[in-house]
PDB file of all heavy atoms in Angstrom:
ATOM      1  N   LEU A   1     -10.252 -14.705  26.548  1.00  0.00           N
ATOM      2  CA  LEU A   1      -9.168 -14.026  25.816  1.00  0.00           C
ATOM      3  C   LEU A   1      -9.177 -14.412  24.333  1.00  0.00           C
ATOM      4  O   LEU A   1      -8.977 -13.564  23.482  1.00  0.00           O
ATOM      5  CB  LEU A   1      -7.823 -14.341  26.460  1.00  0.00           C
ATOM      6  CG  LEU A   1      -7.552 -13.702  27.809  1.00  0.00           C
ATOM      7  CD1 LEU A   1      -6.256 -14.249  28.402  1.00  0.00           C
ATOM      8  CD2 LEU A   1      -7.507 -12.199  27.710  1.00  0.00           C
ATOM      9  N   ILE A   2      -9.386 -15.675  24.058  1.00  0.00           N
ATOM     10  CA  ILE A   2      -9.405 -16.139  22.658  1.00  0.00           C
ATOM     11  C   ILE A   2     -10.577 -15.499  21.920  1.00  0.00           C
ATOM     12  O   ILE A   2     -10.419 -14.996  20.803  1.00  0.00           O
ATOM     13  CB  ILE A   2      -9.482 -17.675  22.600  1.00  0.00           C
ATOM     14  CG1 ILE A   2      -8.161 -18.265  23.076  1.00  0.00           C
ATOM     15  CG2 ILE A   2      -9.802 -18.149  21.186  1.00  0.00           C
ATOM     16  CD1 ILE A   2      -8.187 -19.759  23.293  1.00  0.00           C
ATOM     17  N   ILE A   3     -11.764 -15.491  22.521  1.00  0.00           N
ATOM     18  CA  ILE A   3     -12.942 -14.902  21.877  1.00  0.00           C
ATOM     19  C   ILE A   3     -12.747 -13.414  21.635  1.00  0.00           C
ATOM     20  O   ILE A   3     -13.025 -12.905  20.557  1.00  0.00           O
ATOM     21  CB  ILE A   3     -14.208 -15.135  22.743  1.00  0.00           C
ATOM     22  CG1 ILE A   3     -14.525 -16.627  22.828  1.00  0.00           C
ATOM     23  CG2 ILE A   3     -15.391 -14.344  22.215  1.00  0.00           C
ATOM     24  CD1 ILE A   3     -14.834 -17.288  21.515  1.00  0.00           C
ATOM     25  N   ASN A   4     -12.209 -12.694  22.608  1.00  0.00           N
ATOM     26  CA  ASN A   4     -11.945 -11.259  22.443  1.00  0.00           C
ATOM     27  C   ASN A   4     -10.929 -10.995  21.350  1.00  0.00           C
ATOM     28  O   ASN A   4     -11.067 -10.046  20.572  1.00  0.00           O
ATOM     29  CB  ASN A   4     -11.485 -10.629  23.750  1.00  0.00           C
ATOM     30  CG  ASN A   4     -12.610 -10.465  24.735  1.00  0.00           C
ATOM     31  OD1 ASN A   4     -13.763 -10.413  24.359  1.00  0.00           O
ATOM     32  ND2 ASN A   4     -12.272 -10.387  26.011  1.00  0.00           N
ATOM     33  N   SER A   5      -9.934 -11.840  21.261  1.00  0.00           N
ATOM     34  CA  SER A   5      -8.910 -11.680  20.223  1.00  0.00           C
ATOM     35  C   SER A   5      -9.511 -11.880  18.837  1.00  0.00           C
ATOM     36  O   SER A   5      -9.257 -11.104  17.913  1.00  0.00           O
ATOM     37  CB  SER A   5      -7.762 -12.681  20.455  1.00  0.00           C
ATOM     38  OG  SER A   5      -6.854 -12.632  19.399  1.00  0.00           O
ATOM     39  N   LEU A   6     -10.326 -12.905  18.682  1.00  0.00           N
ATOM     40  CA  LEU A   6     -10.964 -13.170  17.398  1.00  0.00           C
ATOM     41  C   LEU A   6     -11.943 -12.054  17.021  1.00  0.00           C
ATOM     42  O   LEU A   6     -11.999 -11.634  15.871  1.00  0.00           O
ATOM     43  CB  LEU A   6     -11.690 -14.502  17.424  1.00  0.00           C
ATOM     44  CG  LEU A   6     -10.808 -15.748  17.510  1.00  0.00           C
ATOM     45  CD1 LEU A   6     -11.660 -17.000  17.684  1.00  0.00           C
ATOM     46  CD2 LEU A   6      -9.908 -15.862  16.299  1.00  0.00           C
ATOM     47  N   ALA A   7     -12.687 -11.563  17.978  1.00  0.00           N
ATOM     48  CA  ALA A   7     -13.661 -10.507  17.721  1.00  0.00           C
ATOM     49  C   ALA A   7     -12.966  -9.231  17.288  1.00  0.00           C
ATOM     50  O   ALA A   7     -13.409  -8.531  16.382  1.00  0.00           O
ATOM     51  CB  ALA A   7     -14.518 -10.258  18.949  1.00  0.00           C
ATOM     52  N   SER A   8     -11.844  -8.891  17.902  1.00  0.00           N
ATOM     53  CA  SER A   8     -11.153  -7.660  17.549  1.00  0.00           C
ATOM     54  C   SER A   8     -10.505  -7.759  16.190  1.00  0.00           C
ATOM     55  O   SER A   8     -10.391  -6.786  15.467  1.00  0.00           O
ATOM     56  CB  SER A   8     -10.106  -7.299  18.608  1.00  0.00           C
ATOM     57  OG  SER A   8      -9.063  -8.238  18.621  1.00  0.00           O
ATOM     58  N   GLN A   9     -10.082  -8.934  15.773  1.00  0.00           N
ATOM     59  CA  GLN A   9      -9.492  -9.119  14.451  1.00  0.00           C
ATOM     60  C   GLN A   9     -10.530  -8.897  13.369  1.00  0.00           C
ATOM     61  O   GLN A   9     -10.237  -8.353  12.322  1.00  0.00           O
ATOM     62  CB  GLN A   9      -8.915 -10.525  14.312  1.00  0.00           C
ATOM     63  CG  GLN A   9      -7.646 -10.752  15.096  1.00  0.00           C
ATOM     64  CD  GLN A   9      -7.151 -12.167  14.990  1.00  0.00           C
ATOM     65  OE1 GLN A   9      -7.761 -12.997  14.316  1.00  0.00           O
ATOM     66  NE2 GLN A   9      -6.064 -12.464  15.645  1.00  0.00           N
ATOM     67  N   ASN A  10     -11.750  -9.324  13.601  1.00  0.00           N
ATOM     68  CA  ASN A  10     -12.801  -9.220  12.585  1.00  0.00           C
ATOM     69  C   ASN A  10     -13.488  -7.865  12.561  1.00  0.00           C
ATOM     70  O   ASN A  10     -14.196  -7.555  11.624  1.00  0.00           O
ATOM     71  CB  ASN A  10     -13.845 -10.311  12.815  1.00  0.00           C
ATOM     72  CG  ASN A  10     -13.312 -11.677  12.481  1.00  0.00           C
ATOM     73  OD1 ASN A  10     -12.409 -11.809  11.654  1.00  0.00           O
ATOM     74  ND2 ASN A  10     -13.845 -12.687  13.113  1.00  0.00           N
ATOM     75  N   SER A  11     -13.273  -7.022  13.550  1.00  0.00           N
ATOM     76  CA  SER A  11     -13.996  -5.770  13.593  1.00  0.00           C
ATOM     77  C   SER A  11     -13.264  -4.629  12.877  1.00  0.00           C
ATOM     78  O   SER A  11     -13.853  -3.592  12.620  1.00  0.00           O
ATOM     79  CB  SER A  11     -14.259  -5.370  15.053  1.00  0.00           C
ATOM     80  OG  SER A  11     -13.052  -5.165  15.729  1.00  0.00           O
ATOM     81  N   THR A  12     -12.009  -4.804  12.553  1.00  0.00           N
ATOM     82  CA  THR A  12     -11.252  -3.759  11.884  1.00  0.00           C
ATOM     83  C   THR A  12     -11.092  -4.123  10.404  1.00  0.00           C
ATOM     84  O   THR A  12     -10.414  -5.089  10.086  1.00  0.00           O
ATOM     85  CB  THR A  12      -9.860  -3.580  12.527  1.00  0.00           C
ATOM     86  OG1 THR A  12     -10.036  -3.371  13.921  1.00  0.00           O
ATOM     87  CG2 THR A  12      -9.106  -2.444  11.900  1.00  0.00           C
ATOM     88  N   PRO A  13     -11.726  -3.378   9.515  1.00  0.00           N
ATOM     89  CA  PRO A  13     -11.589  -3.713   8.101  1.00  0.00           C
ATOM     90  C   PRO A  13     -10.176  -3.442   7.582  1.00  0.00           C
ATOM     91  O   PRO A  13      -9.468  -2.558   8.072  1.00  0.00           O
ATOM     92  CB  PRO A  13     -12.595  -2.789   7.405  1.00  0.00           C
ATOM     93  CG  PRO A  13     -12.992  -1.791   8.405  1.00  0.00           C
ATOM     94  CD  PRO A  13     -12.577  -2.255   9.756  1.00  0.00           C
ATOM     95  N   THR A  14      -9.789  -4.219   6.602  1.00  0.00           N
ATOM     96  CA  THR A  14      -8.511  -4.006   5.946  1.00  0.00           C
ATOM     97  C   THR A  14      -8.611  -2.774   5.075  1.00  0.00           C
ATOM     98  O   THR A  14      -9.607  -2.562   4.387  1.00  0.00           O
ATOM     99  CB  THR A  14      -8.153  -5.232   5.071  1.00  0.00           C
ATOM    100  OG1 THR A  14      -8.106  -6.389   5.909  1.00  0.00           O
ATOM    101  CG2 THR A  14      -6.842  -5.052   4.366  1.00  0.00           C
ATOM    102  N   VAL A  15      -7.581  -1.942   5.099  1.00  0.00           N
ATOM    103  CA  VAL A  15      -7.538  -0.715   4.300  1.00  0.00           C
ATOM    104  C   VAL A  15      -6.452  -0.892   3.240  1.00  0.00           C
ATOM    105  O   VAL A  15      -5.338  -1.313   3.544  1.00  0.00           O
ATOM    106  CB  VAL A  15      -7.247   0.504   5.184  1.00  0.00           C
ATOM    107  CG1 VAL A  15      -7.132   1.766   4.341  1.00  0.00           C
ATOM    108  CG2 VAL A  15      -8.331   0.677   6.233  1.00  0.00           C
ATOM    109  N   VAL A  16      -6.793  -0.589   1.982  1.00  0.00           N
ATOM    110  CA  VAL A  16      -5.853  -0.706   0.867  1.00  0.00           C
ATOM    111  C   VAL A  16      -5.850   0.592   0.068  1.00  0.00           C
ATOM    112  O   VAL A  16      -6.765   1.396   0.157  1.00  0.00           O
ATOM    113  CB  VAL A  16      -6.227  -1.894  -0.052  1.00  0.00           C
ATOM    114  CG1 VAL A  16      -6.113  -3.215   0.678  1.00  0.00           C
ATOM    115  CG2 VAL A  16      -7.612  -1.720  -0.637  1.00  0.00           C
ATOM    116  N   THR A  17      -4.799   0.777  -0.716  1.00  0.00           N
ATOM    117  CA  THR A  17      -4.658   1.974  -1.545  1.00  0.00           C
ATOM    118  C   THR A  17      -4.874   1.624  -3.009  1.00  0.00           C
ATOM    119  O   THR A  17      -4.306   0.661  -3.510  1.00  0.00           O
ATOM    120  CB  THR A  17      -3.247   2.587  -1.366  1.00  0.00           C
ATOM    121  OG1 THR A  17      -3.056   2.861   0.033  1.00  0.00           O
ATOM    122  CG2 THR A  17      -3.092   3.875  -2.152  1.00  0.00           C
ATOM    123  N   ALA A  18      -5.683   2.406  -3.686  1.00  0.00           N
ATOM    124  CA  ALA A  18      -5.957   2.174  -5.114  1.00  0.00           C
ATOM    125  C   ALA A  18      -4.708   2.534  -5.947  1.00  0.00           C
ATOM    126  O   ALA A  18      -4.080   3.558  -5.718  1.00  0.00           O
ATOM    127  CB  ALA A  18      -7.134   3.022  -5.571  1.00  0.00           C
ATOM    128  N   GLN A  19      -4.403   1.663  -6.888  1.00  0.00           N
ATOM    129  CA  GLN A  19      -3.270   1.837  -7.796  1.00  0.00           C
ATOM    130  C   GLN A  19      -3.774   2.293  -9.169  1.00  0.00           C
ATOM    131  O   GLN A  19      -4.948   2.111  -9.498  1.00  0.00           O
ATOM    132  CB  GLN A  19      -2.521   0.502  -7.938  1.00  0.00           C
ATOM    133  CG  GLN A  19      -2.038  -0.091  -6.616  1.00  0.00           C
ATOM    134  CD  GLN A  19      -1.069   0.813  -5.878  1.00  0.00           C
ATOM    135  OE1 GLN A  19      -0.161   1.349  -6.479  1.00  0.00           O
ATOM    136  NE2 GLN A  19      -1.288   0.984  -4.582  1.00  0.00           N
ATOM    137  N   PRO A  20      -2.896   2.840 -10.003  1.00  0.00           N
ATOM    138  CA  PRO A  20      -3.319   3.212 -11.346  1.00  0.00           C
ATOM    139  C   PRO A  20      -3.920   2.010 -12.088  1.00  0.00           C
ATOM    140  O   PRO A  20      -3.390   0.905 -12.011  1.00  0.00           O
ATOM    141  CB  PRO A  20      -2.015   3.663 -12.018  1.00  0.00           C
ATOM    142  CG  PRO A  20      -1.144   4.116 -10.884  1.00  0.00           C
ATOM    143  CD  PRO A  20      -1.500   3.191  -9.737  1.00  0.00           C
ATOM    144  N   GLY A  21      -5.041   2.234 -12.727  1.00  0.00           N
ATOM    145  CA  GLY A  21      -5.706   1.179 -13.473  1.00  0.00           C
ATOM    146  C   GLY A  21      -6.682   0.340 -12.654  1.00  0.00           C
ATOM    147  O   GLY A  21      -7.340  -0.540 -13.176  1.00  0.00           O
ATOM    148  N   ASP A  22      -6.758   0.606 -11.372  1.00  0.00           N
ATOM    149  CA  ASP A  22      -7.671  -0.155 -10.503  1.00  0.00           C
ATOM    150  C   ASP A  22      -9.106   0.275 -10.700  1.00  0.00           C
ATOM    151  O   ASP A  22      -9.417   1.459 -10.814  1.00  0.00           O
ATOM    152  CB  ASP A  22      -7.324   0.042  -9.028  1.00  0.00           C
ATOM    153  CG  ASP A  22      -6.222  -0.859  -8.533  1.00  0.00           C
ATOM    154  OD1 ASP A  22      -5.790  -1.749  -9.294  1.00  0.00           O
ATOM    155  OD2 ASP A  22      -5.787  -0.685  -7.383  1.00  0.00           O
ATOM    156  N   GLY A  23      -9.969  -0.707 -10.731  1.00  0.00           N
ATOM    157  CA  GLY A  23     -11.398  -0.520 -10.584  1.00  0.00           C
ATOM    158  C   GLY A  23     -11.787  -1.328  -9.372  1.00  0.00           C
ATOM    159  O   GLY A  23     -10.956  -2.029  -8.777  1.00  0.00           O
ATOM    160  N   ILE A  24     -13.040  -1.277  -9.000  1.00  0.00           N
ATOM    161  CA  ILE A  24     -13.463  -1.990  -7.802  1.00  0.00           C
ATOM    162  C   ILE A  24     -13.238  -3.494  -7.949  1.00  0.00           C
ATOM    163  O   ILE A  24     -12.696  -4.139  -7.065  1.00  0.00           O
ATOM    164  CB  ILE A  24     -14.926  -1.688  -7.465  1.00  0.00           C
ATOM    165  CG1 ILE A  24     -15.085  -0.194  -7.108  1.00  0.00           C
ATOM    166  CG2 ILE A  24     -15.392  -2.561  -6.303  1.00  0.00           C
ATOM    167  CD1 ILE A  24     -16.523   0.242  -6.911  1.00  0.00           C
ATOM    168  N   TYR A  25     -13.633  -4.065  -9.101  1.00  0.00           N
ATOM    169  CA  TYR A  25     -13.471  -5.508  -9.290  1.00  0.00           C
ATOM    170  C   TYR A  25     -12.006  -5.923  -9.204  1.00  0.00           C
ATOM    171  O   TYR A  25     -11.668  -6.919  -8.569  1.00  0.00           O
ATOM    172  CB  TYR A  25     -14.043  -5.940 -10.649  1.00  0.00           C
ATOM    173  CG  TYR A  25     -15.552  -5.938 -10.692  1.00  0.00           C
ATOM    174  CD1 TYR A  25     -16.235  -5.009 -11.469  1.00  0.00           C
ATOM    175  CD2 TYR A  25     -16.300  -6.849  -9.954  1.00  0.00           C
ATOM    176  CE1 TYR A  25     -17.612  -4.994 -11.507  1.00  0.00           C
ATOM    177  CE2 TYR A  25     -17.677  -6.848  -9.993  1.00  0.00           C
ATOM    178  CZ  TYR A  25     -18.330  -5.918 -10.771  1.00  0.00           C
ATOM    179  OH  TYR A  25     -19.704  -5.914 -10.810  1.00  0.00           O
ATOM    180  N   LYS A  26     -11.140  -5.159  -9.825  1.00  0.00           N
ATOM    181  CA  LYS A  26      -9.700  -5.489  -9.799  1.00  0.00           C
ATOM    182  C   LYS A  26      -9.136  -5.395  -8.379  1.00  0.00           C
ATOM    183  O   LYS A  26      -8.373  -6.255  -7.947  1.00  0.00           O
ATOM    184  CB  LYS A  26      -8.937  -4.561 -10.742  1.00  0.00           C
ATOM    185  CG  LYS A  26      -7.489  -4.920 -10.922  1.00  0.00           C
ATOM    186  CD  LYS A  26      -6.844  -4.038 -11.979  1.00  0.00           C
ATOM    187  CE  LYS A  26      -5.396  -4.417 -12.194  1.00  0.00           C
ATOM    188  NZ  LYS A  26      -4.779  -3.577 -13.228  1.00  0.00           N
ATOM    189  N   LEU A  27      -9.528  -4.374  -7.657  1.00  0.00           N
ATOM    190  CA  LEU A  27      -9.060  -4.190  -6.287  1.00  0.00           C
ATOM    191  C   LEU A  27      -9.543  -5.346  -5.394  1.00  0.00           C
ATOM    192  O   LEU A  27      -8.765  -5.913  -4.634  1.00  0.00           O
ATOM    193  CB  LEU A  27      -9.573  -2.860  -5.741  1.00  0.00           C
ATOM    194  CG  LEU A  27      -9.028  -2.434  -4.388  1.00  0.00           C
ATOM    195  CD1 LEU A  27      -7.562  -1.985  -4.515  1.00  0.00           C
ATOM    196  CD2 LEU A  27      -9.850  -1.291  -3.822  1.00  0.00           C
TER     197      LEU A  27
END
């Protein structure tokens, strides 16, 4: 259960929204 929990946390990338003035480095 612990291994499956850790694996599922790492498999979904974080999604963010670009704000005015953002470039890739800033984001």
